[in-house]
Amino acid sequence: MVSVQRSGSCHCGAVKFTALVEEPLRGARCDCSICSIKGAVTVGTPLSGLTILEGEDRLSCYQFNTGVAKHYFCSSCGTYTFHQRRSDPDTYGVNVACIGLNPYHDFPDVAVVDGRHHVRDTGKARLAGRLKFEPSAD
């Protein structure tokens, strides 16, 4: 694996950041209550691997339940950018769409982590399933 720095931003460009990610990328989704609503594919980076370049004052943080995970959104356009993970608080999950990747075409077969039965609650990490994108023939 190779570490690559990728540039990222929210939809409106108010929040800009870089993220150091391992390639080849391994994207995942989660089926917990907030991630199911967001629907994003994420890739991991250590906390030290993410640098906010602009718009830190535009980031809003949402926490719920245990308060461990911190989900960051642009307060101007509403884009979910990244979150500090509950399963591994020393890492961020970065929204792949914010770093120039297409969550469908670049991740046509993605693991869905069982966040409804979180590893921190059950002591057992497991997959809820896989999500597949099949482009139309047109």
C-alpha atoms as a PDB file:
ATOM      1  CA  MET A   1       0.000   0.000   0.000  1.00  0.00           C
ATOM      2  CA  VAL A   2       1.029   3.546  -0.712  1.00  0.00           C
ATOM      3  CA  SER A   3      -0.062   6.698   1.130  1.00  0.00           C
ATOM      4  CA  VAL A   4      -1.365   9.435  -1.169  1.00  0.00           C
ATOM      5  CA  GLN A   5      -2.445  12.929  -0.220  1.00  0.00           C
ATOM      6  CA  ARG A   6      -5.760  13.917  -1.788  1.00  0.00           C
ATOM      7  CA  SER A   7      -7.346  17.357  -1.857  1.00  0.00           C
ATOM      8  CA  GLY A   8     -10.941  17.661  -0.769  1.00  0.00           C
ATOM      9  CA  SER A   9     -13.760  20.136  -0.366  1.00  0.00           C
ATOM     10  CA  CYS A  10     -17.442  20.436   0.337  1.00  0.00           C
ATOM     11  CA  HIS A  11     -19.898  21.115  -2.490  1.00  0.00           C
ATOM     12  CA  CYS A  12     -19.742  24.924  -2.252  1.00  0.00           C
ATOM     13  CA  GLY A  13     -15.972  25.030  -1.701  1.00  0.00           C
ATOM     14  CA  ALA A  14     -16.126  26.844   1.646  1.00  0.00           C
ATOM     15  CA  VAL A  15     -14.404  23.911   3.405  1.00  0.00           C
ATOM     16  CA  LYS A  16     -11.132  22.710   1.890  1.00  0.00           C
ATOM     17  CA  PHE A  17      -8.890  19.981   3.284  1.00  0.00           C
ATOM     18  CA  THR A  18      -6.294  17.373   2.435  1.00  0.00           C
ATOM     19  CA  ALA A  19      -6.458  13.732   3.479  1.00  0.00           C
ATOM     20  CA  LEU A  20      -3.679  11.157   3.469  1.00  0.00           C
ATOM     21  CA  VAL A  21      -5.219   7.879   2.284  1.00  0.00           C
ATOM     22  CA  GLU A  22      -3.859   4.410   1.624  1.00  0.00           C
ATOM     23  CA  GLU A  23      -4.073   3.217  -1.968  1.00  0.00           C
ATOM     24  CA  PRO A  24      -5.486   1.058  -3.280  1.00  0.00           C
ATOM     25  CA  LEU A  25      -8.535   2.617  -1.624  1.00  0.00           C
ATOM     26  CA  ARG A  26     -10.883   0.443   0.390  1.00  0.00           C
ATOM     27  CA  GLY A  27     -14.202   2.216   0.644  1.00  0.00           C
ATOM     28  CA  ALA A  28     -17.000   1.269   3.000  1.00  0.00           C
ATOM     29  CA  ARG A  29     -20.474   2.318   4.025  1.00  0.00           C
ATOM     30  CA  CYS A  30     -22.094   1.927   7.417  1.00  0.00           C
ATOM     31  CA  ASP A  31     -25.699   1.079   8.262  1.00  0.00           C
ATOM     32  CA  CYS A  32     -25.953   2.955  11.581  1.00  0.00           C
ATOM     33  CA  SER A  33     -28.738   5.531  11.882  1.00  0.00           C
ATOM     34  CA  ILE A  34     -26.735   8.614  10.775  1.00  0.00           C
ATOM     35  CA  CYS A  35     -24.681   6.860   8.085  1.00  0.00           C
ATOM     36  CA  SER A  36     -27.806   5.323   6.565  1.00  0.00           C
ATOM     37  CA  ILE A  37     -29.157   8.841   6.116  1.00  0.00           C
ATOM     38  CA  LYS A  38     -25.861  10.202   4.740  1.00  0.00           C
ATOM     39  CA  GLY A  39     -25.357   7.263   2.369  1.00  0.00           C
ATOM     40  CA  ALA A  40     -21.699   8.126   1.800  1.00  0.00           C
ATOM     41  CA  VAL A  41     -18.820   5.842   0.926  1.00  0.00           C
ATOM     42  CA  THR A  42     -15.851   6.619   3.156  1.00  0.00           C
ATOM     43  CA  VAL A  43     -12.138   5.870   3.223  1.00  0.00           C
ATOM     44  CA  GLY A  44      -9.951   6.108   6.303  1.00  0.00           C
ATOM     45  CA  THR A  45      -7.163   8.437   7.319  1.00  0.00           C
ATOM     46  CA  PRO A  46      -5.429   8.869  10.684  1.00  0.00           C
ATOM     47  CA  LEU A  47      -6.367  12.023  12.611  1.00  0.00           C
ATOM     48  CA  SER A  48      -2.941  13.429  11.744  1.00  0.00           C
ATOM     49  CA  GLY A  49      -3.608  12.655   8.047  1.00  0.00           C
ATOM     50  CA  LEU A  50      -6.385  15.231   7.664  1.00  0.00           C
ATOM     51  CA  THR A  51      -5.576  18.934   7.420  1.00  0.00           C
ATOM     52  CA  ILE A  52      -8.248  21.597   7.133  1.00  0.00           C
ATOM     53  CA  LEU A  53      -6.944  24.282   4.781  1.00  0.00           C
ATOM     54  CA  GLU A  54      -9.938  26.626   4.693  1.00  0.00           C
ATOM     55  CA  GLY A  55     -13.344  26.948   6.286  1.00  0.00           C
ATOM     56  CA  GLU A  56     -12.817  25.362   9.681  1.00  0.00           C
ATOM     57  CA  ASP A  57     -15.247  27.980  10.987  1.00  0.00           C
ATOM     58  CA  ARG A  58     -17.843  26.688   8.483  1.00  0.00           C
ATOM     59  CA  LEU A  59     -17.737  23.124   9.829  1.00  0.00           C
ATOM     60  CA  SER A  60     -20.576  22.005  12.063  1.00  0.00           C
ATOM     61  CA  CYS A  61     -20.129  18.952  14.261  1.00  0.00           C
ATOM     62  CA  TYR A  62     -22.939  16.522  15.002  1.00  0.00           C
ATOM     63  CA  GLN A  63     -22.660  14.000  17.850  1.00  0.00           C
ATOM     64  CA  PHE A  64     -25.292  11.644  19.218  1.00  0.00           C
ATOM     65  CA  ASN A  65     -25.730   8.538  21.375  1.00  0.00           C
ATOM     66  CA  THR A  66     -22.309   7.886  22.967  1.00  0.00           C
ATOM     67  CA  GLY A  67     -20.881  11.179  21.650  1.00  0.00           C
ATOM     68  CA  VAL A  68     -17.653   9.488  20.530  1.00  0.00           C
ATOM     69  CA  ALA A  69     -18.136   9.874  16.776  1.00  0.00           C
ATOM     70  CA  LYS A  70     -17.977  13.431  15.457  1.00  0.00           C
ATOM     71  CA  HIS A  71     -19.674  13.980  12.091  1.00  0.00           C
ATOM     72  CA  TYR A  72     -18.594  17.156  10.284  1.00  0.00           C
ATOM     73  CA  PHE A  73     -20.754  19.045   7.782  1.00  0.00           C
ATOM     74  CA  CYS A  74     -20.340  22.312   5.906  1.00  0.00           C
ATOM     75  CA  SER A  75     -22.758  24.786   7.495  1.00  0.00           C
ATOM     76  CA  SER A  76     -23.166  26.577   4.155  1.00  0.00           C
ATOM     77  CA  CYS A  77     -24.018  23.754   1.711  1.00  0.00           C
ATOM     78  CA  GLY A  78     -24.725  20.882   4.138  1.00  0.00           C
ATOM     79  CA  THR A  79     -22.159  18.490   2.666  1.00  0.00           C
ATOM     80  CA  TYR A  80     -20.967  15.724   4.983  1.00  0.00           C
ATOM     81  CA  THR A  81     -17.168  15.918   4.663  1.00  0.00           C
ATOM     82  CA  PHE A  82     -15.680  13.506   7.217  1.00  0.00           C
ATOM     83  CA  HIS A  83     -16.201  12.048  10.674  1.00  0.00           C
ATOM     84  CA  GLN A  84     -14.062  10.912  13.573  1.00  0.00           C
ATOM     85  CA  ARG A  85     -14.938   7.262  13.918  1.00  0.00           C
ATOM     86  CA  ARG A  86     -16.458   5.654  16.981  1.00  0.00           C
ATOM     87  CA  SER A  87     -14.956   2.278  16.061  1.00  0.00           C
ATOM     88  CA  ASP A  88     -11.484   3.834  15.852  1.00  0.00           C
ATOM     89  CA  PRO A  89     -11.391   7.376  17.326  1.00  0.00           C
ATOM     90  CA  ASP A  90      -7.819   7.811  16.063  1.00  0.00           C
ATOM     91  CA  THR A  91      -9.092   7.892  12.466  1.00  0.00           C
ATOM     92  CA  TYR A  92     -11.432   9.859  10.250  1.00  0.00           C
ATOM     93  CA  GLY A  93     -13.759   8.426   7.660  1.00  0.00           C
ATOM     94  CA  VAL A  94     -13.592  10.760   4.661  1.00  0.00           C
ATOM     95  CA  ASN A  95     -16.464  11.126   2.190  1.00  0.00           C
ATOM     96  CA  VAL A  96     -14.984   9.914  -1.118  1.00  0.00           C
ATOM     97  CA  ALA A  97     -17.159  12.329  -3.104  1.00  0.00           C
ATOM     98  CA  CYS A  98     -15.362  15.207  -1.359  1.00  0.00           C
ATOM     99  CA  ILE A  99     -11.949  13.983  -2.566  1.00  0.00           C
ATOM    100  CA  GLY A 100     -12.904  13.804  -6.213  1.00  0.00           C
ATOM    101  CA  LEU A 101     -14.091  10.214  -6.419  1.00  0.00           C
ATOM    102  CA  ASN A 102     -17.424   8.897  -7.610  1.00  0.00           C
ATOM    103  CA  PRO A 103     -19.020   6.719  -4.900  1.00  0.00           C
ATOM    104  CA  TYR A 104     -20.795   4.654  -7.566  1.00  0.00           C
ATOM    105  CA  HIS A 105     -18.347   4.219 -10.424  1.00  0.00           C
ATOM    106  CA  ASP A 106     -15.174   4.167  -8.294  1.00  0.00           C
ATOM    107  CA  PHE A 107     -16.745   1.843  -5.675  1.00  0.00           C
ATOM    108  CA  PRO A 108     -19.248  -0.352  -7.561  1.00  0.00           C
ATOM    109  CA  ASP A 109     -19.070  -3.121  -4.937  1.00  0.00           C
ATOM    110  CA  VAL A 110     -18.654  -1.748  -1.445  1.00  0.00           C
ATOM    111  CA  ALA A 111     -18.729  -3.334   2.003  1.00  0.00           C
ATOM    112  CA  VAL A 112     -21.466  -2.188   4.373  1.00  0.00           C
ATOM    113  CA  VAL A 113     -20.283  -2.263   7.993  1.00  0.00           C
ATOM    114  CA  ASP A 114     -22.831  -3.320  10.619  1.00  0.00           C
ATOM    115  CA  GLY A 115     -23.083  -0.072  12.572  1.00  0.00           C
ATOM    116  CA  ARG A 116     -26.525  -0.899  13.943  1.00  0.00           C
ATOM    117  CA  HIS A 117     -24.803  -3.593  16.014  1.00  0.00           C
ATOM    118  CA  HIS A 118     -21.641  -1.579  16.605  1.00  0.00           C
ATOM    119  CA  VAL A 119     -18.393  -3.356  17.459  1.00  0.00           C
ATOM    120  CA  ARG A 120     -18.022  -1.122  20.544  1.00  0.00           C
ATOM    121  CA  ASP A 121     -21.371  -2.428  21.805  1.00  0.00           C
ATOM    122  CA  THR A 122     -21.110  -6.077  20.800  1.00  0.00           C
ATOM    123  CA  GLY A 123     -17.347  -6.710  20.849  1.00  0.00           C
ATOM    124  CA  LYS A 124     -17.682  -8.232  17.388  1.00  0.00           C
ATOM    125  CA  ALA A 125     -17.091  -6.453  14.075  1.00  0.00           C
ATOM    126  CA  ARG A 126     -19.147  -7.742  11.194  1.00  0.00           C
ATOM    127  CA  LEU A 127     -20.368  -6.784   7.772  1.00  0.00           C
ATOM    128  CA  ALA A 128     -24.058  -6.113   7.250  1.00  0.00           C
ATOM    129  CA  GLY A 129     -23.600  -6.900   3.562  1.00  0.00           C
ATOM    130  CA  ARG A 130     -22.399  -5.413   0.294  1.00  0.00           C
ATOM    131  CA  LEU A 131     -23.851  -2.667  -1.855  1.00  0.00           C
ATOM    132  CA  LYS A 132     -23.461  -3.055  -5.604  1.00  0.00           C
ATOM    133  CA  PHE A 133     -23.887  -0.496  -8.364  1.00  0.00           C
ATOM    134  CA  GLU A 134     -24.672  -1.802 -11.805  1.00  0.00           C
ATOM    135  CA  PRO A 135     -24.638   0.965 -14.426  1.00  0.00           C
ATOM    136  CA  SER A 136     -27.374   0.884 -17.038  1.00  0.00           C
ATOM    137  CA  ALA A 137     -26.459  -0.274 -20.514  1.00  0.00           C
ATOM    138  CA  ASP A 138     -27.578   3.023 -22.096  1.00  0.00           C
END
